[in-house]
All heavy atoms as atom14 arrays in JSON, in Angstrom:
{
  "sequence": "GLSDANWIPFNEQELQFAINQNLPYLRGLNFALVDMLKGYG",
  "atom14_mask": [
    [1, 1, 1, 1, 0, 0, 0, 0, 0, 0, 0, 0, 0, 0],
    [1, 1, 1, 1, 1, 1, 1, 1, 0, 0, 0, 0, 0, 0],
    [1, 1, 1, 1, 1, 1, 0, 0, 0, 0, 0, 0, 0, 0],
    [1, 1, 1, 1, 1, 1, 1, 1, 0, 0, 0, 0, 0, 0],
    [1, 1, 1, 1, 1, 0, 0, 0, 0, 0, 0, 0, 0, 0],
    [1, 1, 1, 1, 1, 1, 1, 1, 0, 0, 0, 0, 0, 0],
    [1, 1, 1, 1, 1, 1, 1, 1, 1, 1, 1, 1, 1, 1],
    [1, 1, 1, 1, 1, 1, 1, 1, 0, 0, 0, 0, 0, 0],
    [1, 1, 1, 1, 1, 1, 1, 0, 0, 0, 0, 0, 0, 0],
    [1, 1, 1, 1, 1, 1, 1, 1, 1, 1, 1, 0, 0, 0],
    [1, 1, 1, 1, 1, 1, 1, 1, 0, 0, 0, 0, 0, 0],
    [1, 1, 1, 1, 1, 1, 1, 1, 1, 0, 0, 0, 0, 0],
    [1, 1, 1, 1, 1, 1, 1, 1, 1, 0, 0, 0, 0, 0],
    [1, 1, 1, 1, 1, 1, 1, 1, 1, 0, 0, 0, 0, 0],
    [1, 1, 1, 1, 1, 1, 1, 1, 0, 0, 0, 0, 0, 0],
    [1, 1, 1, 1, 1, 1, 1, 1, 1, 0, 0, 0, 0, 0],
    [1, 1, 1, 1, 1, 1, 1, 1, 1, 1, 1, 0, 0, 0],
    [1, 1, 1, 1, 1, 0, 0, 0, 0, 0, 0, 0, 0, 0],
    [1, 1, 1, 1, 1, 1, 1, 1, 0, 0, 0, 0, 0, 0],
    [1, 1, 1, 1, 1, 1, 1, 1, 0, 0, 0, 0, 0, 0],
    [1, 1, 1, 1, 1, 1, 1, 1, 1, 0, 0, 0, 0, 0],
    [1, 1, 1, 1, 1, 1, 1, 1, 0, 0, 0, 0, 0, 0],
    [1, 1, 1, 1, 1, 1, 1, 1, 0, 0, 0, 0, 0, 0],
    [1, 1, 1, 1, 1, 1, 1, 0, 0, 0, 0, 0, 0, 0],
    [1, 1, 1, 1, 1, 1, 1, 1, 1, 1, 1, 1, 0, 0],
    [1, 1, 1, 1, 1, 1, 1, 1, 0, 0, 0, 0, 0, 0],
    [1, 1, 1, 1, 1, 1, 1, 1, 1, 1, 1, 0, 0, 0],
    [1, 1, 1, 1, 0, 0, 0, 0, 0, 0, 0, 0, 0, 0],
    [1, 1, 1, 1, 1, 1, 1, 1, 0, 0, 0, 0, 0, 0],
    [1, 1, 1, 1, 1, 1, 1, 1, 0, 0, 0, 0, 0, 0],
    [1, 1, 1, 1, 1, 1, 1, 1, 1, 1, 1, 0, 0, 0],
    [1, 1, 1, 1, 1, 0, 0, 0, 0, 0, 0, 0, 0, 0],
    [1, 1, 1, 1, 1, 1, 1, 1, 0, 0, 0, 0, 0, 0],
    [1, 1, 1, 1, 1, 1, 1, 0, 0, 0, 0, 0, 0, 0],
    [1, 1, 1, 1, 1, 1, 1, 1, 0, 0, 0, 0, 0, 0],
    [1, 1, 1, 1, 1, 1, 1, 1, 0, 0, 0, 0, 0, 0],
    [1, 1, 1, 1, 1, 1, 1, 1, 0, 0, 0, 0, 0, 0],
    [1, 1, 1, 1, 1, 1, 1, 1, 1, 0, 0, 0, 0, 0],
    [1, 1, 1, 1, 0, 0, 0, 0, 0, 0, 0, 0, 0, 0],
    [1, 1, 1, 1, 1, 1, 1, 1, 1, 1, 1, 1, 0, 0],
    [1, 1, 1, 1, 0, 0, 0, 0, 0, 0, 0, 0, 0, 0]
  ],
  "atom14_positions": [
    [[0.81, -1.21, 0.0], [0.0, 0.0, 0.0], [0.85, 1.26, 0.0], [1.62, 1.48, 0.91], [0.0, 0.0, 0.0], [0.0, 0.0, 0.0], [0.0, 0.0, 0.0], [0.0, 0.0, 0.0], [0.0, 0.0, 0.0], [0.0, 0.0, 0.0], [0.0, 0.0, 0.0], [0.0, 0.0, 0.0], [0.0, 0.0, 0.0], [0.0, 0.0, 0.0]],
    [[0.71, 2.08, -1.04], [1.47, 3.32, -1.1], [1.06, 4.3, 0.0], [1.82, 5.17, 0.36], [1.29, 3.99, -2.46], [2.16, 3.46, -3.58], [1.83, 4.14, -4.89], [3.63, 3.65, -3.26], [0.0, 0.0, 0.0], [0.0, 0.0, 0.0], [0.0, 0.0, 0.0], [0.0, 0.0, 0.0], [0.0, 0.0, 0.0], [0.0, 0.0, 0.0]],
    [[-0.15, 4.13, 0.53], [-0.59, 5.06, 1.57], [0.27, 4.93, 2.82], [0.34, 5.85, 3.62], [-2.06, 4.8, 1.91], [-2.22, 3.48, 2.4], [0.0, 0.0, 0.0], [0.0, 0.0, 0.0], [0.0, 0.0, 0.0], [0.0, 0.0, 0.0], [0.0, 0.0, 0.0], [0.0, 0.0, 0.0], [0.0, 0.0, 0.0], [0.0, 0.0, 0.0]],
    [[0.95, 3.79, 3.01], [1.81, 3.6, 4.17], [3.24, 4.07, 3.93], [4.03, 4.12, 4.84], [1.85, 2.12, 4.56], [0.49, 1.62, 5.02], [-0.32, 2.45, 5.5], [0.23, 0.42, 4.9], [0.0, 0.0, 0.0], [0.0, 0.0, 0.0], [0.0, 0.0, 0.0], [0.0, 0.0, 0.0], [0.0, 0.0, 0.0], [0.0, 0.0, 0.0]],
    [[3.57, 4.36, 2.69], [4.93, 4.76, 2.36], [5.1, 6.27, 2.52], [4.14, 7.01, 2.42], [5.27, 4.34, 0.93], [0.0, 0.0, 0.0], [0.0, 0.0, 0.0], [0.0, 0.0, 0.0], [0.0, 0.0, 0.0], [0.0, 0.0, 0.0], [0.0, 0.0, 0.0], [0.0, 0.0, 0.0], [0.0, 0.0, 0.0], [0.0, 0.0, 0.0]],
    [[6.32, 6.69, 2.75], [6.58, 8.12, 2.88], [7.29, 8.67, 1.66], [7.93, 9.69, 1.71], [7.38, 8.42, 4.15], [8.74, 7.77, 4.13], [9.11, 7.14, 3.16], [9.47, 7.93, 5.22], [0.0, 0.0, 0.0], [0.0, 0.0, 0.0], [0.0, 0.0, 0.0], [0.0, 0.0, 0.0], [0.0, 0.0, 0.0], [0.0, 0.0, 0.0]],
    [[7.2, 7.98, 0.53], [7.79, 8.41, -0.72], [6.88, 8.02, -1.87], [6.01, 7.19, -1.72], [9.17, 7.81, -0.92], [9.21, 6.36, -0.61], [9.64, 5.77, 0.54], [8.76, 5.28, -1.45], [9.48, 4.41, 0.47], [8.94, 4.09, -0.74], [8.21, 5.23, -2.72], [8.6, 2.86, -1.27], [7.87, 3.99, -3.24], [8.07, 2.83, -2.51]],
    [[7.11, 8.63, -2.99], [6.32, 8.34, -4.19], [7.3, 8.02, -5.31], [8.14, 8.84, -5.64], [5.47, 9.56, -4.61], [4.53, 9.95, -3.47], [4.69, 9.27, -5.9], [3.88, 11.29, -3.66], [0.0, 0.0, 0.0], [0.0, 0.0, 0.0], [0.0, 0.0, 0.0], [0.0, 0.0, 0.0], [0.0, 0.0, 0.0], [0.0, 0.0, 0.0]],
    [[7.26, 6.82, -5.9], [8.19, 6.51, -6.98], [7.74, 7.14, -8.29], [6.55, 7.25, -8.56], [8.12, 4.99, -7.07], [6.76, 4.65, -6.58], [6.4, 5.69, -5.55], [0.0, 0.0, 0.0], [0.0, 0.0, 0.0], [0.0, 0.0, 0.0], [0.0, 0.0, 0.0], [0.0, 0.0, 0.0], [0.0, 0.0, 0.0], [0.0, 0.0, 0.0]],
    [[8.69, 7.57, -9.09], [8.41, 8.04, -10.44], [8.51, 6.86, -11.38], [9.41, 6.04, -11.24], [9.47, 9.06, -10.88], [9.25, 10.43, -10.34], [9.94, 10.86, -9.23], [8.39, 11.29, -10.98], [9.76, 12.13, -8.75], [8.2, 12.58, -10.51], [8.89, 13.0, -9.38], [0.0, 0.0, 0.0], [0.0, 0.0, 0.0], [0.0, 0.0, 0.0]],
    [[7.63, 6.81, -12.39], [7.88, 5.81, -13.42], [8.92, 6.39, -14.37], [9.26, 7.57, -14.31], [6.6, 5.37, -14.14], [5.99, 6.44, -15.0], [6.67, 7.25, -15.6], [4.67, 6.44, -15.06], [0.0, 0.0, 0.0], [0.0, 0.0, 0.0], [0.0, 0.0, 0.0], [0.0, 0.0, 0.0], [0.0, 0.0, 0.0], [0.0, 0.0, 0.0]],
    [[9.46, 5.55, -15.25], [10.56, 5.97, -16.11], [10.2, 7.16, -16.99], [10.99, 8.09, -17.15], [10.99, 4.79, -16.97], [12.22, 5.06, -17.81], [12.64, 3.84, -18.61], [12.19, 2.73, -18.29], [13.41, 4.02, -19.54], [0.0, 0.0, 0.0], [0.0, 0.0, 0.0], [0.0, 0.0, 0.0], [0.0, 0.0, 0.0], [0.0, 0.0, 0.0]],
    [[8.99, 7.17, -17.53], [8.59, 8.26, -18.42], [8.47, 9.58, -17.66], [8.9, 10.62, -18.15], [7.26, 7.93, -19.12], [7.36, 6.8, -20.12], [7.36, 5.42, -19.44], [6.98, 5.27, -18.3], [7.82, 4.42, -20.17], [0.0, 0.0, 0.0], [0.0, 0.0, 0.0], [0.0, 0.0, 0.0], [0.0, 0.0, 0.0], [0.0, 0.0, 0.0]],
    [[7.88, 9.54, -16.47], [7.75, 10.76, -15.67], [9.12, 11.3, -15.27], [9.37, 12.5, -15.31], [6.91, 10.49, -14.43], [5.46, 10.2, -14.72], [4.73, 9.67, -13.5], [5.35, 9.0, -12.66], [3.53, 9.92, -13.41], [0.0, 0.0, 0.0], [0.0, 0.0, 0.0], [0.0, 0.0, 0.0], [0.0, 0.0, 0.0], [0.0, 0.0, 0.0]],
    [[10.0, 10.4, -14.88], [11.34, 10.81, -14.48], [12.1, 11.4, -15.67], [12.73, 12.45, -15.55], [12.11, 9.63, -13.89], [13.53, 9.93, -13.46], [13.57, 11.05, -12.43], [14.17, 8.67, -12.91], [0.0, 0.0, 0.0], [0.0, 0.0, 0.0], [0.0, 0.0, 0.0], [0.0, 0.0, 0.0], [0.0, 0.0, 0.0], [0.0, 0.0, 0.0]],
    [[12.02, 10.72, -16.81], [12.7, 11.23, -18.0], [12.17, 12.62, -18.38], [12.93, 13.52, -18.72], [12.55, 10.27, -19.18], [13.41, 10.63, -20.36], [14.89, 10.59, -20.03], [15.36, 9.62, -19.47], [15.61, 11.64, -20.35], [0.0, 0.0, 0.0], [0.0, 0.0, 0.0], [0.0, 0.0, 0.0], [0.0, 0.0, 0.0], [0.0, 0.0, 0.0]],
    [[10.86, 12.81, -18.31], [10.27, 14.12, -18.6], [10.8, 15.17, -17.63], [11.2, 16.27, -18.04], [8.75, 14.05, -18.53], [8.08, 15.37, -18.79], [7.94, 15.85, -20.08], [7.63, 16.14, -17.73], [7.34, 17.08, -20.31], [7.04, 17.37, -17.95], [6.89, 17.84, -19.25], [0.0, 0.0, 0.0], [0.0, 0.0, 0.0], [0.0, 0.0, 0.0]],
    [[10.83, 14.82, -16.33], [11.32, 15.77, -15.33], [12.77, 16.12, -15.59], [13.17, 17.29, -15.48], [11.15, 15.2, -13.93], [0.0, 0.0, 0.0], [0.0, 0.0, 0.0], [0.0, 0.0, 0.0], [0.0, 0.0, 0.0], [0.0, 0.0, 0.0], [0.0, 0.0, 0.0], [0.0, 0.0, 0.0], [0.0, 0.0, 0.0], [0.0, 0.0, 0.0]],
    [[13.58, 15.12, -15.94], [14.99, 15.38, -16.22], [15.13, 16.28, -17.45], [15.85, 17.27, -17.44], [15.76, 14.07, -16.4], [15.84, 13.33, -15.06], [17.16, 14.31, -16.97], [16.34, 11.92, -15.17], [0.0, 0.0, 0.0], [0.0, 0.0, 0.0], [0.0, 0.0, 0.0], [0.0, 0.0, 0.0], [0.0, 0.0, 0.0], [0.0, 0.0, 0.0]],
    [[14.43, 15.91, -18.52], [14.54, 16.68, -19.76], [14.05, 18.11, -19.6], [14.62, 19.03, -20.17], [13.77, 16.0, -20.88], [14.43, 14.73, -21.35], [15.62, 14.53, -21.12], [13.68, 13.87, -21.98], [0.0, 0.0, 0.0], [0.0, 0.0, 0.0], [0.0, 0.0, 0.0], [0.0, 0.0, 0.0], [0.0, 0.0, 0.0], [0.0, 0.0, 0.0]],
    [[12.98, 18.32, -18.86], [12.39, 19.64, -18.72], [13.06, 20.5, -17.65], [13.18, 21.7, -17.8], [10.9, 19.52, -18.41], [10.1, 18.9, -19.52], [10.16, 19.73, -20.78], [9.95, 20.94, -20.75], [10.44, 19.1, -21.9], [0.0, 0.0, 0.0], [0.0, 0.0, 0.0], [0.0, 0.0, 0.0], [0.0, 0.0, 0.0], [0.0, 0.0, 0.0]],
    [[13.45, 19.87, -16.54], [13.88, 20.65, -15.39], [15.32, 20.42, -14.95], [15.89, 21.25, -14.27], [12.96, 20.35, -14.2], [11.51, 20.63, -14.55], [11.18, 21.74, -14.93], [10.66, 19.64, -14.45], [0.0, 0.0, 0.0], [0.0, 0.0, 0.0], [0.0, 0.0, 0.0], [0.0, 0.0, 0.0], [0.0, 0.0, 0.0], [0.0, 0.0, 0.0]],
    [[15.87, 19.28, -15.29], [17.22, 18.95, -14.83], [18.09, 18.49, -16.0], [18.65, 17.41, -15.98], [17.16, 17.85, -13.76], [16.27, 18.13, -12.56], [16.08, 16.88, -11.73], [16.85, 19.23, -11.71], [0.0, 0.0, 0.0], [0.0, 0.0, 0.0], [0.0, 0.0, 0.0], [0.0, 0.0, 0.0], [0.0, 0.0, 0.0], [0.0, 0.0, 0.0]],
    [[18.25, 19.31, -17.03], [18.96, 18.85, -18.23], [20.44, 18.56, -18.01], [21.06, 17.91, -18.82], [18.76, 20.01, -19.21], [18.51, 21.19, -18.35], [17.79, 20.67, -17.14], [0.0, 0.0, 0.0], [0.0, 0.0, 0.0], [0.0, 0.0, 0.0], [0.0, 0.0, 0.0], [0.0, 0.0, 0.0], [0.0, 0.0, 0.0], [0.0, 0.0, 0.0]],
    [[21.01, 19.03, -16.9], [22.44, 18.83, -16.66], [22.74, 17.45, -16.1], [23.89, 17.05, -16.0], [22.98, 19.91, -15.73], [22.23, 19.98, -14.42], [22.65, 19.26, -13.32], [21.1, 20.78, -14.29], [21.95, 19.31, -12.13], [20.41, 20.83, -13.11], [20.84, 20.09, -12.03], [20.15, 20.14, -10.85], [0.0, 0.0, 0.0], [0.0, 0.0, 0.0]],
    [[21.72, 16.68, -15.68], [21.94, 15.33, -15.14], [22.08, 14.33, -16.28], [21.25, 14.26, -17.17], [20.79, 14.9, -14.23], [20.68, 15.59, -12.89], [19.48, 15.08, -12.13], [21.94, 15.38, -12.07], [0.0, 0.0, 0.0], [0.0, 0.0, 0.0], [0.0, 0.0, 0.0], [0.0, 0.0, 0.0], [0.0, 0.0, 0.0], [0.0, 0.0, 0.0]],
    [[23.1, 13.53, -16.25], [23.31, 12.48, -17.24], [23.58, 11.17, -16.49], [24.16, 11.17, -15.42], [24.5, 12.79, -18.14], [24.33, 14.04, -18.95], [23.33, 13.81, -20.1], [23.21, 15.01, -20.91], [22.13, 15.76, -20.93], [21.1, 15.47, -20.21], [22.08, 16.83, -21.69], [0.0, 0.0, 0.0], [0.0, 0.0, 0.0], [0.0, 0.0, 0.0]],
    [[23.17, 10.07, -17.07], [23.47, 8.77, -16.48], [22.64, 8.43, -15.26], [23.01, 7.57, -14.48], [0.0, 0.0, 0.0], [0.0, 0.0, 0.0], [0.0, 0.0, 0.0], [0.0, 0.0, 0.0], [0.0, 0.0, 0.0], [0.0, 0.0, 0.0], [0.0, 0.0, 0.0], [0.0, 0.0, 0.0], [0.0, 0.0, 0.0], [0.0, 0.0, 0.0]],
    [[21.49, 9.07, -15.1], [20.65, 8.8, -13.94], [19.92, 7.48, -14.12], [19.29, 7.24, -15.14], [19.64, 9.94, -13.75], [18.87, 9.96, -12.45], [19.82, 10.12, -11.27], [17.86, 11.08, -12.45], [0.0, 0.0, 0.0], [0.0, 0.0, 0.0], [0.0, 0.0, 0.0], [0.0, 0.0, 0.0], [0.0, 0.0, 0.0], [0.0, 0.0, 0.0]],
    [[20.02, 6.59, -13.13], [19.38, 5.29, -13.18], [17.94, 5.39, -12.67], [17.02, 4.91, -13.31], [20.16, 4.27, -12.36], [19.83, 2.85, -12.72], [19.28, 2.57, -13.76], [20.18, 1.94, -11.83], [0.0, 0.0, 0.0], [0.0, 0.0, 0.0], [0.0, 0.0, 0.0], [0.0, 0.0, 0.0], [0.0, 0.0, 0.0], [0.0, 0.0, 0.0]],
    [[17.73, 5.99, -11.51], [16.38, 6.22, -11.01], [16.42, 7.26, -9.9], [17.47, 7.6, -9.39], [15.72, 4.92, -10.5], [16.38, 4.31, -9.3], [16.03, 4.69, -8.03], [17.33, 3.34, -9.46], [16.63, 4.12, -6.93], [17.94, 2.75, -8.36], [17.59, 3.15, -7.1], [0.0, 0.0, 0.0], [0.0, 0.0, 0.0], [0.0, 0.0, 0.0]],
    [[15.22, 7.75, -9.56], [15.09, 8.72, -8.48], [13.78, 8.48, -7.75], [12.81, 8.02, -8.35], [15.12, 10.15, -9.03], [0.0, 0.0, 0.0], [0.0, 0.0, 0.0], [0.0, 0.0, 0.0], [0.0, 0.0, 0.0], [0.0, 0.0, 0.0], [0.0, 0.0, 0.0], [0.0, 0.0, 0.0], [0.0, 0.0, 0.0], [0.0, 0.0, 0.0]],
    [[13.78, 8.74, -6.48], [12.57, 8.69, -5.67], [12.39, 10.06, -5.05], [13.36, 10.76, -4.76], [12.69, 7.64, -4.56], [12.89, 6.2, -5.01], [13.16, 5.3, -3.82], [11.66, 5.71, -5.76], [0.0, 0.0, 0.0], [0.0, 0.0, 0.0], [0.0, 0.0, 0.0], [0.0, 0.0, 0.0], [0.0, 0.0, 0.0], [0.0, 0.0, 0.0]],
    [[11.15, 10.46, -4.85], [10.91, 11.75, -4.23], [10.14, 11.54, -2.93], [9.24, 10.71, -2.85], [10.14, 12.71, -5.18], [8.76, 12.22, -5.49], [10.09, 14.12, -4.6], [0.0, 0.0, 0.0], [0.0, 0.0, 0.0], [0.0, 0.0, 0.0], [0.0, 0.0, 0.0], [0.0, 0.0, 0.0], [0.0, 0.0, 0.0], [0.0, 0.0, 0.0]],
    [[10.54, 12.26, -1.9], [9.9, 12.21, -0.6], [9.32, 13.6, -0.36], [10.05, 14.58, -0.26], [10.94, 11.87, 0.46], [10.37, 11.68, 1.84], [9.14, 11.8, 2.0], [11.13, 11.41, 2.77], [0.0, 0.0, 0.0], [0.0, 0.0, 0.0], [0.0, 0.0, 0.0], [0.0, 0.0, 0.0], [0.0, 0.0, 0.0], [0.0, 0.0, 0.0]],
    [[7.99, 13.7, -0.31], [7.34, 14.98, -0.08], [7.39, 15.29, 1.41], [6.85, 14.54, 2.22], [5.89, 14.94, -0.57], [5.75, 14.53, -2.03], [6.74, 15.5, -3.18], [5.85, 17.02, -3.17], [0.0, 0.0, 0.0], [0.0, 0.0, 0.0], [0.0, 0.0, 0.0], [0.0, 0.0, 0.0], [0.0, 0.0, 0.0], [0.0, 0.0, 0.0]],
    [[8.04, 16.36, 1.76], [8.22, 16.75, 3.16], [7.25, 17.89, 3.46], [7.44, 19.01, 3.01], [9.66, 17.19, 3.4], [10.74, 16.18, 2.99], [12.12, 16.8, 3.09], [10.63, 14.94, 3.85], [0.0, 0.0, 0.0], [0.0, 0.0, 0.0], [0.0, 0.0, 0.0], [0.0, 0.0, 0.0], [0.0, 0.0, 0.0], [0.0, 0.0, 0.0]],
    [[6.21, 17.59, 4.2], [5.15, 18.56, 4.48], [5.72, 19.85, 5.05], [6.47, 19.85, 6.01], [4.14, 17.95, 5.45], [2.95, 18.84, 5.69], [1.92, 18.18, 6.58], [0.75, 19.08, 6.78], [-0.25, 18.48, 7.64], [0.0, 0.0, 0.0], [0.0, 0.0, 0.0], [0.0, 0.0, 0.0], [0.0, 0.0, 0.0], [0.0, 0.0, 0.0]],
    [[5.37, 20.95, 4.41], [5.81, 22.25, 4.85], [7.26, 22.56, 4.55], [7.78, 23.59, 4.94], [0.0, 0.0, 0.0], [0.0, 0.0, 0.0], [0.0, 0.0, 0.0], [0.0, 0.0, 0.0], [0.0, 0.0, 0.0], [0.0, 0.0, 0.0], [0.0, 0.0, 0.0], [0.0, 0.0, 0.0], [0.0, 0.0, 0.0], [0.0, 0.0, 0.0]],
    [[7.95, 21.66, 3.85], [9.36, 21.84, 3.58], [9.68, 21.8, 2.09], [10.43, 22.61, 1.59], [10.16, 20.76, 4.32], [11.65, 20.9, 4.17], [12.35, 21.84, 4.9], [12.34, 20.08, 3.3], [13.73, 21.96, 4.76], [13.71, 20.2, 3.16], [14.4, 21.13, 3.89], [15.75, 21.26, 3.74], [0.0, 0.0, 0.0], [0.0, 0.0, 0.0]],
    [[9.13, 20.84, 1.38], [9.41, 20.7, -0.04], [9.53, 19.24, -0.42], [8.8, 18.4, 0.09], [0.0, 0.0, 0.0], [0.0, 0.0, 0.0], [0.0, 0.0, 0.0], [0.0, 0.0, 0.0], [0.0, 0.0, 0.0], [0.0, 0.0, 0.0], [0.0, 0.0, 0.0], [0.0, 0.0, 0.0], [0.0, 0.0, 0.0], [0.0, 0.0, 0.0]]
  ]
}
């Protein structure tokens, strides 16, 4: 259950889009996970 996890995984397409649009300087990235920190970012 994702509701019990404190992170949200990106699928490959979403991650690739984020890299291409927002992080073009990253190369060779295998995967990334994002942890939403309430009130922090």
